Amino acid sequence: MLITRKWAGFAFIAPNVIGFLVLTFLPVLAAFALSLFRWDIFHHPEFVGLQNFIDLLGGYWDNGSFHWNDAPFWKYLGNTLYLMIGIPLGIISSLFLAIVLNQPLRGRYFFRLIFYLPSICGGIGMLLLWQNILNPEFGLLNTMLHAIGLPTPGWLTDPKWAKPAFIMMGLWSAMGGMGMILYLAGLSNISQELYEAARIDGASEWRQFLHITWPMVAPTTFFLFVTGIIGGFQGGFNAAYVLTRGGPAGSTTTISYYIYNHAFEYFNMGYASAIAVVLFFIVLVATMLNWRFGGKKVNYA
């Protein structure tokens, strides 16, 4: 009987395990192996060891000594980090919306739906909508700015404004998305007796937020921050591909789009795998640091 139950348990978890092995674990191993080769998919792979990583990070040998140069990878990593400014902004705005929509307001469920809609709409369709909004000639945003006498930048054509435009687009969908839903769930679990006791003691609304709301939603904030960092390192591809093709002047090329270019535009599969491996370790280190230092500050009681 025990043996039958054991094999029944294996049968239930087998689809998930097989899916993980086939769709995740084996491709990751293949990427690690392929990063040691130079392969353009048209010729046989050529083993080059760590040369892809040396080229990626900007190293070269000259007269028997090793030197570093200005590799594009560092610029695109900087672009990726810049766009991650939107992570704390999204967390703060999601918490603000959740607090407002958690109040006994008339029609709050309708507004919750309205704010959540952008996160479930088609990504490409929303990007095309933003492309029209940010159009420097007839876009809605520049039309409004011109009407009140403010400068009208080239949002997607000026390297100085392209990344802020991407942050603005991401924030528009993130502030009312899953972060807001999770914060609403967290706020609903806070006992109202805590707020009543704080009001009796004369605590202001700001004090109540600092000493009750913020500590009680800390697990949610930590979860959103960790997943946001992971997604931030891997993100930016859709907007770059649809709106700017990584431009202008490479200002919106992220690591994920850099991988795509080398894999499917230049067919440098080995080099693209090397970028993916480096990105894997960057995400791994960032996640470990978050758990090491951020996890201690979260109270799950």
C-alpha atoms as a PDB file:
ATOM      1  CA  MET A   1       0.000   0.000   0.000  1.00  0.00           C
ATOM      2  CA  LEU A   2       2.808   2.372   0.915  1.00  0.00           C
ATOM      3  CA  ILE A   3       4.630   1.515  -2.303  1.00  0.00           C
ATOM      4  CA  THR A   4       1.477   2.224  -4.326  1.00  0.00           C
ATOM      5  CA  ARG A   5       1.017   5.584  -2.631  1.00  0.00           C
ATOM      6  CA  LYS A   6       4.675   6.443  -3.223  1.00  0.00           C
ATOM      7  CA  TRP A   7       4.446   5.743  -6.949  1.00  0.00           C
ATOM      8  CA  ALA A   8       1.156   7.644  -7.112  1.00  0.00           C
ATOM      9  CA  GLY A   9       2.972  10.643  -5.594  1.00  0.00           C
ATOM     10  CA  PHE A  10       5.739  10.325  -8.170  1.00  0.00           C
ATOM     11  CA  ALA A  11       3.129  10.198 -10.925  1.00  0.00           C
ATOM     12  CA  PHE A  12       1.530  13.436  -9.695  1.00  0.00           C
ATOM     13  CA  ILE A  13       4.805  15.382  -9.595  1.00  0.00           C
ATOM     14  CA  ALA A  14       6.244  13.826 -12.766  1.00  0.00           C
ATOM     15  CA  PRO A  15       4.699  16.354 -15.225  1.00  0.00           C
ATOM     16  CA  ASN A  16       6.139  19.277 -13.280  1.00  0.00           C
ATOM     17  CA  VAL A  17       9.549  17.642 -12.889  1.00  0.00           C
ATOM     18  CA  ILE A  18       9.702  16.651 -16.555  1.00  0.00           C
ATOM     19  CA  GLY A  19       8.651  20.151 -17.618  1.00  0.00           C
ATOM     20  CA  PHE A  20      11.340  21.682 -15.403  1.00  0.00           C
ATOM     21  CA  LEU A  21      14.034  19.362 -16.763  1.00  0.00           C
ATOM     22  CA  VAL A  22      13.085  19.778 -20.421  1.00  0.00           C
ATOM     23  CA  LEU A  23      12.193  23.478 -20.472  1.00  0.00           C
ATOM     24  CA  THR A  24      14.512  24.931 -17.815  1.00  0.00           C
ATOM     25  CA  PHE A  25      17.311  22.750 -16.462  1.00  0.00           C
ATOM     26  CA  LEU A  26      18.562  21.235 -19.721  1.00  0.00           C
ATOM     27  CA  PRO A  27      18.462  24.551 -21.637  1.00  0.00           C
ATOM     28  CA  VAL A  28      20.441  26.189 -18.830  1.00  0.00           C
ATOM     29  CA  LEU A  29      23.062  23.442 -19.023  1.00  0.00           C
ATOM     30  CA  ALA A  30      23.125  23.790 -22.812  1.00  0.00           C
ATOM     31  CA  ALA A  31      23.697  27.553 -22.493  1.00  0.00           C
ATOM     32  CA  PHE A  32      26.600  26.978 -20.102  1.00  0.00           C
ATOM     33  CA  ALA A  33      28.169  24.490 -22.518  1.00  0.00           C
ATOM     34  CA  LEU A  34      27.514  26.607 -25.611  1.00  0.00           C
ATOM     35  CA  SER A  35      29.124  29.659 -24.000  1.00  0.00           C
ATOM     36  CA  LEU A  36      32.487  27.901 -24.409  1.00  0.00           C
ATOM     37  CA  PHE A  37      32.081  27.635 -28.180  1.00  0.00           C
ATOM     38  CA  ARG A  38      32.008  29.965 -31.163  1.00  0.00           C
ATOM     39  CA  TRP A  39      28.990  28.933 -33.236  1.00  0.00           C
ATOM     40  CA  ASP A  40      27.014  30.805 -35.886  1.00  0.00           C
ATOM     41  CA  ILE A  41      24.516  27.896 -36.497  1.00  0.00           C
ATOM     42  CA  PHE A  42      25.785  27.573 -40.095  1.00  0.00           C
ATOM     43  CA  HIS A  43      29.111  25.918 -39.245  1.00  0.00           C
ATOM     44  CA  HIS A  44      30.328  23.375 -36.748  1.00  0.00           C
ATOM     45  CA  PRO A  45      30.876  24.763 -33.219  1.00  0.00           C
ATOM     46  CA  GLU A  46      34.473  25.727 -32.447  1.00  0.00           C
ATOM     47  CA  PHE A  47      35.682  25.371 -28.881  1.00  0.00           C
ATOM     48  CA  VAL A  48      37.176  28.659 -27.651  1.00  0.00           C
ATOM     49  CA  GLY A  49      37.125  28.170 -23.881  1.00  0.00           C
ATOM     50  CA  LEU A  50      36.628  31.428 -21.993  1.00  0.00           C
ATOM     51  CA  GLN A  51      37.280  33.664 -25.000  1.00  0.00           C
ATOM     52  CA  ASN A  52      33.605  34.628 -25.324  1.00  0.00           C
ATOM     53  CA  PHE A  53      33.625  35.884 -21.750  1.00  0.00           C
ATOM     54  CA  ILE A  54      36.886  37.764 -22.280  1.00  0.00           C
ATOM     55  CA  ASP A  55      35.470  39.445 -25.390  1.00  0.00           C
ATOM     56  CA  LEU A  56      32.195  40.150 -23.611  1.00  0.00           C
ATOM     57  CA  LEU A  57      33.793  41.866 -20.637  1.00  0.00           C
ATOM     58  CA  GLY A  58      36.196  43.788 -22.866  1.00  0.00           C
ATOM     59  CA  GLY A  59      39.517  42.032 -22.434  1.00  0.00           C
ATOM     60  CA  TYR A  60      42.347  41.460 -24.892  1.00  0.00           C
ATOM     61  CA  TRP A  61      46.007  40.418 -24.959  1.00  0.00           C
ATOM     62  CA  ASP A  62      48.668  42.798 -26.212  1.00  0.00           C
ATOM     63  CA  ASN A  63      52.411  42.098 -26.133  1.00  0.00           C
ATOM     64  CA  GLY A  64      51.975  39.348 -23.576  1.00  0.00           C
ATOM     65  CA  SER A  65      49.877  41.432 -21.141  1.00  0.00           C
ATOM     66  CA  PHE A  66      46.131  41.551 -20.534  1.00  0.00           C
ATOM     67  CA  HIS A  67      44.176  44.793 -20.991  1.00  0.00           C
ATOM     68  CA  TRP A  68      40.580  45.912 -20.558  1.00  0.00           C
ATOM     69  CA  ASN A  69      38.739  48.071 -23.069  1.00  0.00           C
ATOM     70  CA  ASP A  70      35.335  49.715 -23.222  1.00  0.00           C
ATOM     71  CA  ALA A  71      33.042  46.783 -24.106  1.00  0.00           C
ATOM     72  CA  PRO A  72      29.395  47.394 -25.149  1.00  0.00           C
ATOM     73  CA  PHE A  73      28.276  44.991 -22.415  1.00  0.00           C
ATOM     74  CA  TRP A  74      28.981  47.550 -19.688  1.00  0.00           C
ATOM     75  CA  LYS A  75      26.947  50.220 -21.444  1.00  0.00           C
ATOM     76  CA  TYR A  76      23.987  47.885 -21.836  1.00  0.00           C
ATOM     77  CA  LEU A  77      24.307  46.722 -18.250  1.00  0.00           C
ATOM     78  CA  GLY A  78      24.190  50.396 -17.262  1.00  0.00           C
ATOM     79  CA  ASN A  79      21.030  50.840 -19.342  1.00  0.00           C
ATOM     80  CA  THR A  80      19.476  47.870 -17.555  1.00  0.00           C
ATOM     81  CA  LEU A  81      20.360  49.241 -14.123  1.00  0.00           C
ATOM     82  CA  TYR A  82      19.053  52.685 -15.080  1.00  0.00           C
ATOM     83  CA  LEU A  83      15.673  51.251 -16.064  1.00  0.00           C
ATOM     84  CA  MET A  84      15.487  49.485 -12.698  1.00  0.00           C
ATOM     85  CA  ILE A  85      14.941  52.897 -11.085  1.00  0.00           C
ATOM     86  CA  GLY A  86      11.319  52.142 -11.864  1.00  0.00           C
ATOM     87  CA  ILE A  87      11.268  49.268  -9.328  1.00  0.00           C
ATOM     88  CA  PRO A  88      11.151  51.371  -6.116  1.00  0.00           C
ATOM     89  CA  LEU A  89       8.895  53.888  -7.867  1.00  0.00           C
ATOM     90  CA  GLY A  90       6.501  51.083  -8.773  1.00  0.00           C
ATOM     91  CA  ILE A  91       6.541  49.704  -5.223  1.00  0.00           C
ATOM     92  CA  ILE A  92       5.829  53.113  -3.677  1.00  0.00           C
ATOM     93  CA  SER A  93       3.041  53.936  -6.140  1.00  0.00           C
ATOM     94  CA  SER A  94       1.479  50.465  -5.718  1.00  0.00           C
ATOM     95  CA  LEU A  95       1.416  50.871  -1.950  1.00  0.00           C
ATOM     96  CA  PHE A  96      -0.085  54.355  -2.278  1.00  0.00           C
ATOM     97  CA  LEU A  97      -2.841  53.109  -4.577  1.00  0.00           C
ATOM     98  CA  ALA A  98      -3.526  50.133  -2.327  1.00  0.00           C
ATOM     99  CA  ILE A  99      -3.885  52.356   0.736  1.00  0.00           C
ATOM    100  CA  VAL A 100      -6.257  54.707  -1.107  1.00  0.00           C
ATOM    101  CA  LEU A 101      -8.355  51.886  -2.581  1.00  0.00           C
ATOM    102  CA  ASN A 102      -8.468  50.097   0.776  1.00  0.00           C
ATOM    103  CA  GLN A 103     -10.498  52.961   2.230  1.00  0.00           C
ATOM    104  CA  PRO A 104     -14.323  52.692   2.382  1.00  0.00           C
ATOM    105  CA  LEU A 105     -14.732  54.744  -0.781  1.00  0.00           C
ATOM    106  CA  ARG A 106     -17.714  54.590  -3.088  1.00  0.00           C
ATOM    107  CA  GLY A 107     -16.895  52.603  -6.230  1.00  0.00           C
ATOM    108  CA  ARG A 108     -13.511  51.394  -4.949  1.00  0.00           C
ATOM    109  CA  TYR A 109     -13.918  47.980  -6.588  1.00  0.00           C
ATOM    110  CA  PHE A 110     -14.504  49.661  -9.935  1.00  0.00           C
ATOM    111  CA  PHE A 111     -11.335  51.734  -9.527  1.00  0.00           C
ATOM    112  CA  ARG A 112      -9.371  48.645  -8.506  1.00  0.00           C
ATOM    113  CA  LEU A 113     -10.420  47.078 -11.798  1.00  0.00           C
ATOM    114  CA  ILE A 114      -9.512  50.195 -13.790  1.00  0.00           C
ATOM    115  CA  PHE A 115      -6.049  50.436 -12.254  1.00  0.00           C
ATOM    116  CA  TYR A 116      -5.414  46.711 -12.752  1.00  0.00           C
ATOM    117  CA  LEU A 117      -6.466  46.640 -16.422  1.00  0.00           C
ATOM    118  CA  PRO A 118      -3.110  47.793 -17.929  1.00  0.00           C
ATOM    119  CA  SER A 119      -1.316  44.801 -16.393  1.00  0.00           C
ATOM    120  CA  ILE A 120      -3.587  42.282 -18.156  1.00  0.00           C
ATOM    121  CA  CYS A 121      -3.861  43.998 -21.529  1.00  0.00           C
ATOM    122  CA  GLY A 122      -1.728  42.819 -24.427  1.00  0.00           C
ATOM    123  CA  GLY A 123       1.853  44.028 -24.023  1.00  0.00           C
ATOM    124  CA  ILE A 124       2.454  44.763 -27.713  1.00  0.00           C
ATOM    125  CA  GLY A 125      -0.841  46.612 -28.054  1.00  0.00           C
ATOM    126  CA  MET A 126      -0.042  48.783 -25.031  1.00  0.00           C
ATOM    127  CA  LEU A 127       3.423  49.560 -26.419  1.00  0.00           C
ATOM    128  CA  LEU A 128       1.935  50.631 -29.740  1.00  0.00           C
ATOM    129  CA  LEU A 129      -0.474  52.854 -27.833  1.00  0.00           C
ATOM    130  CA  TRP A 130       2.453  54.443 -25.998  1.00  0.00           C
ATOM    131  CA  GLN A 131       4.278  54.870 -29.303  1.00  0.00           C
ATOM    132  CA  ASN A 132       1.460  57.139 -30.432  1.00  0.00           C
ATOM    133  CA  ILE A 133       1.230  58.947 -27.097  1.00  0.00           C
ATOM    134  CA  LEU A 134       4.979  59.688 -27.147  1.00  0.00           C
ATOM    135  CA  ASN A 135       5.144  60.676 -30.806  1.00  0.00           C
ATOM    136  CA  PRO A 136       7.143  63.944 -30.930  1.00  0.00           C
ATOM    137  CA  GLU A 137       4.971  65.440 -33.680  1.00  0.00           C
ATOM    138  CA  PHE A 138       1.353  64.612 -32.832  1.00  0.00           C
ATOM    139  CA  GLY A 139       1.549  62.571 -29.627  1.00  0.00           C
ATOM    140  CA  LEU A 140      -0.883  63.309 -26.814  1.00  0.00           C
ATOM    141  CA  LEU A 141       1.835  63.945 -24.216  1.00  0.00           C
ATOM    142  CA  ASN A 142       3.766  66.484 -26.253  1.00  0.00           C
ATOM    143  CA  THR A 143       0.518  68.153 -27.318  1.00  0.00           C
ATOM    144  CA  MET A 144      -0.371  68.672 -23.658  1.00  0.00           C
ATOM    145  CA  LEU A 145       3.132  69.905 -22.806  1.00  0.00           C
ATOM    146  CA  HIS A 146       3.065  72.348 -25.721  1.00  0.00           C
ATOM    147  CA  ALA A 147      -0.335  73.654 -24.643  1.00  0.00           C
ATOM    148  CA  ILE A 148       1.030  74.698 -21.232  1.00  0.00           C
ATOM    149  CA  GLY A 149       4.278  76.088 -22.632  1.00  0.00           C
ATOM    150  CA  LEU A 150       6.655  73.307 -21.579  1.00  0.00           C
ATOM    151  CA  PRO A 151       9.404  71.742 -23.769  1.00  0.00           C
ATOM    152  CA  THR A 152       8.365  68.859 -25.979  1.00  0.00           C
ATOM    153  CA  PRO A 153      11.219  66.313 -26.000  1.00  0.00           C
ATOM    154  CA  GLY A 154      11.706  63.522 -28.494  1.00  0.00           C
ATOM    155  CA  TRP A 155      10.783  60.794 -26.054  1.00  0.00           C
ATOM    156  CA  LEU A 156      11.851  57.843 -28.185  1.00  0.00           C
ATOM    157  CA  THR A 157      14.331  59.623 -30.464  1.00  0.00           C
ATOM    158  CA  ASP A 158      16.513  61.467 -27.958  1.00  0.00           C
ATOM    159  CA  PRO A 159      19.053  59.355 -25.990  1.00  0.00           C
ATOM    160  CA  LYS A 160      18.513  61.582 -22.939  1.00  0.00           C
ATOM    161  CA  TRP A 161      14.768  60.940 -22.844  1.00  0.00           C
ATOM    162  CA  ALA A 162      14.394  57.383 -24.140  1.00  0.00           C
ATOM    163  CA  LYS A 163      15.151  55.620 -20.851  1.00  0.00           C
ATOM    164  CA  PRO A 164      12.933  57.955 -18.762  1.00  0.00           C
ATOM    165  CA  ALA A 165      10.167  57.258 -21.280  1.00  0.00           C
ATOM    166  CA  PHE A 166      10.628  53.520 -20.761  1.00  0.00           C
ATOM    167  CA  ILE A 167      10.484  53.987 -16.970  1.00  0.00           C
ATOM    168  CA  MET A 168       7.291  56.023 -17.327  1.00  0.00           C
ATOM    169  CA  MET A 169       5.662  53.330 -19.465  1.00  0.00           C
ATOM    170  CA  GLY A 170       6.639  50.587 -17.041  1.00  0.00           C
ATOM    171  CA  LEU A 171       5.456  52.573 -14.033  1.00  0.00           C
ATOM    172  CA  TRP A 172       2.061  53.193 -15.662  1.00  0.00           C
ATOM    173  CA  SER A 173       1.331  49.462 -15.814  1.00  0.00           C
ATOM    174  CA  ALA A 174       3.198  48.423 -12.650  1.00  0.00           C
ATOM    175  CA  MET A 175       1.594  50.800 -10.160  1.00  0.00           C
ATOM    176  CA  GLY A 176      -1.826  49.205 -10.494  1.00  0.00           C
ATOM    177  CA  GLY A 177      -0.708  45.672 -11.236  1.00  0.00           C
ATOM    178  CA  MET A 178       0.174  42.720  -9.066  1.00  0.00           C
ATOM    179  CA  GLY A 179       1.925  44.933  -6.532  1.00  0.00           C
ATOM    180  CA  MET A 180      -1.308  46.767  -5.780  1.00  0.00           C
ATOM    181  CA  ILE A 181      -3.214  43.480  -5.473  1.00  0.00           C
ATOM    182  CA  LEU A 182      -0.655  42.016  -3.059  1.00  0.00           C
ATOM    183  CA  TYR A 183      -0.618  45.178  -0.968  1.00  0.00           C
ATOM    184  CA  LEU A 184      -4.423  45.160  -0.816  1.00  0.00           C
ATOM    185  CA  ALA A 185      -4.267  41.592   0.477  1.00  0.00           C
ATOM    186  CA  GLY A 186      -1.633  42.570   3.030  1.00  0.00           C
ATOM    187  CA  LEU A 187      -3.575  45.616   4.209  1.00  0.00           C
ATOM    188  CA  SER A 188      -6.748  43.576   4.664  1.00  0.00           C
ATOM    189  CA  ASN A 189      -4.885  41.303   7.099  1.00  0.00           C
ATOM    190  CA  ILE A 190      -3.847  44.140   9.431  1.00  0.00           C
ATOM    191  CA  SER A 191      -6.023  44.213  12.530  1.00  0.00           C
ATOM    192  CA  GLN A 192      -8.037  47.410  12.835  1.00  0.00           C
ATOM    193  CA  GLU A 193      -7.521  47.225  16.593  1.00  0.00           C
ATOM    194  CA  LEU A 194      -3.931  48.342  16.067  1.00  0.00           C
ATOM    195  CA  TYR A 195      -5.096  51.526  14.341  1.00  0.00           C
ATOM    196  CA  GLU A 196      -7.765  52.135  16.984  1.00  0.00           C
ATOM    197  CA  ALA A 197      -5.198  51.829  19.773  1.00  0.00           C
ATOM    198  CA  ALA A 198      -2.836  54.171  17.897  1.00  0.00           C
ATOM    199  CA  ARG A 199      -5.574  56.783  17.434  1.00  0.00           C
ATOM    200  CA  ILE A 200      -6.479  56.586  21.129  1.00  0.00           C
ATOM    201  CA  ASP A 201      -2.810  57.252  21.952  1.00  0.00           C
ATOM    202  CA  GLY A 202      -2.910  60.306  19.689  1.00  0.00           C
ATOM    203  CA  ALA A 203      -0.850  58.935  16.800  1.00  0.00           C
ATOM    204  CA  SER A 204      -1.178  60.860  13.542  1.00  0.00           C
ATOM    205  CA  GLU A 205      -1.943  59.214  10.200  1.00  0.00           C
ATOM    206  CA  TRP A 206       1.744  59.409   9.286  1.00  0.00           C
ATOM    207  CA  ARG A 207       2.770  57.774  12.572  1.00  0.00           C
ATOM    208  CA  GLN A 208       0.235  55.016  12.020  1.00  0.00           C
ATOM    209  CA  PHE A 209       1.698  54.378   8.586  1.00  0.00           C
ATOM    210  CA  LEU A 210       5.304  54.311   9.853  1.00  0.00           C
ATOM    211  CA  HIS A 211       4.707  52.117  12.904  1.00  0.00           C
ATOM    212  CA  ILE A 212       1.823  49.880  11.798  1.00  0.00           C
ATOM    213  CA  THR A 213       1.216  49.794   8.044  1.00  0.00           C
ATOM    214  CA  TRP A 214       4.800  49.806   6.794  1.00  0.00           C
ATOM    215  CA  PRO A 215       6.124  47.073   9.157  1.00  0.00           C
ATOM    216  CA  MET A 216       3.076  44.874   8.550  1.00  0.00           C
ATOM    217  CA  VAL A 217       3.423  44.992   4.757  1.00  0.00           C
ATOM    218  CA  ALA A 218       7.217  44.527   4.882  1.00  0.00           C
ATOM    219  CA  PRO A 219       7.040  40.871   3.677  1.00  0.00           C
ATOM    220  CA  THR A 220       5.054  41.995   0.625  1.00  0.00           C
ATOM    221  CA  THR A 221       7.509  44.824  -0.044  1.00  0.00           C
ATOM    222  CA  PHE A 222      10.463  42.459   0.223  1.00  0.00           C
ATOM    223  CA  PHE A 223       8.833  39.968  -2.150  1.00  0.00           C
ATOM    224  CA  LEU A 224       8.070  42.691  -4.706  1.00  0.00           C
ATOM    225  CA  PHE A 225      11.595  44.078  -4.438  1.00  0.00           C
ATOM    226  CA  VAL A 226      13.308  40.700  -4.928  1.00  0.00           C
ATOM    227  CA  THR A 227      11.101  39.679  -7.854  1.00  0.00           C
ATOM    228  CA  GLY A 228      11.394  43.186  -9.274  1.00  0.00           C
ATOM    229  CA  ILE A 229      15.204  43.002  -9.255  1.00  0.00           C
ATOM    230  CA  ILE A 230      15.129  39.602 -10.965  1.00  0.00           C
ATOM    231  CA  GLY A 231      12.649  40.812 -13.570  1.00  0.00           C
ATOM    232  CA  GLY A 232      14.525  44.097 -13.988  1.00  0.00           C
ATOM    233  CA  PHE A 233      17.747  42.382 -15.019  1.00  0.00           C
ATOM    234  CA  GLN A 234      15.824  40.245 -17.505  1.00  0.00           C
ATOM    235  CA  GLY A 235      13.411  42.933 -18.713  1.00  0.00           C
ATOM    236  CA  GLY A 236      13.338  45.709 -21.255  1.00  0.00           C
ATOM    237  CA  PHE A 237      13.191  43.512 -24.332  1.00  0.00           C
ATOM    238  CA  ASN A 238       9.614  44.085 -25.522  1.00  0.00           C
ATOM    239  CA  ALA A 239       9.761  47.873 -25.326  1.00  0.00           C
ATOM    240  CA  ALA A 240      13.180  48.023 -26.993  1.00  0.00           C
ATOM    241  CA  TYR A 241      12.162  45.652 -29.784  1.00  0.00           C
ATOM    242  CA  VAL A 242       8.817  47.281 -30.576  1.00  0.00           C
ATOM    243  CA  LEU A 243       9.570  50.965 -30.013  1.00  0.00           C
ATOM    244  CA  THR A 244      13.253  51.726 -30.550  1.00  0.00           C
ATOM    245  CA  ARG A 245      15.138  48.621 -31.709  1.00  0.00           C
ATOM    246  CA  GLY A 246      17.587  49.386 -28.927  1.00  0.00           C
ATOM    247  CA  GLY A 247      18.182  52.970 -30.015  1.00  0.00           C
ATOM    248  CA  PRO A 248      18.671  55.812 -30.226  1.00  0.00           C
ATOM    249  CA  ALA A 249      22.439  55.219 -30.139  1.00  0.00           C
ATOM    250  CA  GLY A 250      21.989  52.087 -28.043  1.00  0.00           C
ATOM    251  CA  SER A 251      20.437  54.040 -25.164  1.00  0.00           C
ATOM    252  CA  THR A 252      17.595  51.528 -24.690  1.00  0.00           C
ATOM    253  CA  THR A 253      19.507  48.323 -25.407  1.00  0.00           C
ATOM    254  CA  THR A 254      19.280  46.145 -22.304  1.00  0.00           C
ATOM    255  CA  ILE A 255      21.046  42.880 -21.524  1.00  0.00           C
ATOM    256  CA  SER A 256      18.070  40.831 -22.718  1.00  0.00           C
ATOM    257  CA  TYR A 257      17.926  42.731 -26.011  1.00  0.00           C
ATOM    258  CA  TYR A 258      21.708  42.384 -26.355  1.00  0.00           C
ATOM    259  CA  ILE A 259      21.296  38.611 -26.034  1.00  0.00           C
ATOM    260  CA  TYR A 260      18.567  38.644 -28.679  1.00  0.00           C
ATOM    261  CA  ASN A 261      20.699  40.639 -31.111  1.00  0.00           C
ATOM    262  CA  HIS A 262      23.640  38.265 -30.935  1.00  0.00           C
ATOM    263  CA  ALA A 263      21.500  35.117 -30.962  1.00  0.00           C
ATOM    264  CA  PHE A 264      18.925  35.919 -33.653  1.00  0.00           C
ATOM    265  CA  GLU A 265      20.274  38.914 -35.562  1.00  0.00           C
ATOM    266  CA  TYR A 266      24.006  38.110 -35.751  1.00  0.00           C
ATOM    267  CA  PHE A 267      23.690  34.341 -35.061  1.00  0.00           C
ATOM    268  CA  ASN A 268      26.527  34.425 -32.542  1.00  0.00           C
ATOM    269  CA  MET A 269      24.989  31.697 -30.416  1.00  0.00           C
ATOM    270  CA  GLY A 270      28.088  31.053 -28.332  1.00  0.00           C
ATOM    271  CA  TYR A 271      28.553  34.737 -27.549  1.00  0.00           C
ATOM    272  CA  ALA A 272      24.840  35.140 -26.753  1.00  0.00           C
ATOM    273  CA  SER A 273      25.068  32.163 -24.397  1.00  0.00           C
ATOM    274  CA  ALA A 274      28.041  33.787 -22.675  1.00  0.00           C
ATOM    275  CA  ILE A 275      25.976  36.935 -22.095  1.00  0.00           C
ATOM    276  CA  ALA A 276      23.150  34.788 -20.702  1.00  0.00           C
ATOM    277  CA  VAL A 277      25.556  32.998 -18.340  1.00  0.00           C
ATOM    278  CA  VAL A 278      26.930  36.307 -17.051  1.00  0.00           C
ATOM    279  CA  LEU A 279      23.371  37.557 -16.579  1.00  0.00           C
ATOM    280  CA  PHE A 280      22.544  34.361 -14.688  1.00  0.00           C
ATOM    281  CA  PHE A 281      25.334  34.960 -12.187  1.00  0.00           C
ATOM    282  CA  ILE A 282      24.462  38.658 -11.837  1.00  0.00           C
ATOM    283  CA  VAL A 283      20.868  37.754 -10.962  1.00  0.00           C
ATOM    284  CA  LEU A 284      22.055  34.975  -8.639  1.00  0.00           C
ATOM    285  CA  VAL A 285      24.404  37.281  -6.721  1.00  0.00           C
ATOM    286  CA  ALA A 286      21.796  40.068  -6.529  1.00  0.00           C
ATOM    287  CA  THR A 287      19.166  37.651  -5.197  1.00  0.00           C
ATOM    288  CA  MET A 288      21.554  36.178  -2.609  1.00  0.00           C
ATOM    289  CA  LEU A 289      22.489  39.654  -1.399  1.00  0.00           C
ATOM    290  CA  ASN A 290      18.826  40.602  -1.110  1.00  0.00           C
ATOM    291  CA  TRP A 291      18.086  37.512   0.968  1.00  0.00           C
ATOM    292  CA  ARG A 292      21.252  37.936   3.020  1.00  0.00           C
ATOM    293  CA  PHE A 293      20.725  41.572   4.010  1.00  0.00           C
ATOM    294  CA  GLY A 294      17.090  42.350   3.222  1.00  0.00           C
ATOM    295  CA  GLY A 295      15.605  39.190   4.677  1.00  0.00           C
ATOM    296  CA  LYS A 296      16.845  40.048   8.167  1.00  0.00           C
ATOM    297  CA  LYS A 297      14.829  43.257   8.220  1.00  0.00           C
ATOM    298  CA  VAL A 298      11.500  41.565   7.469  1.00  0.00           C
ATOM    299  CA  ASN A 299       9.218  40.422  10.257  1.00  0.00           C
ATOM    300  CA  TYR A 300       6.876  37.621   9.158  1.00  0.00           C
ATOM    301  CA  ALA A 301       4.999  37.453  12.456  1.00  0.00           C
END
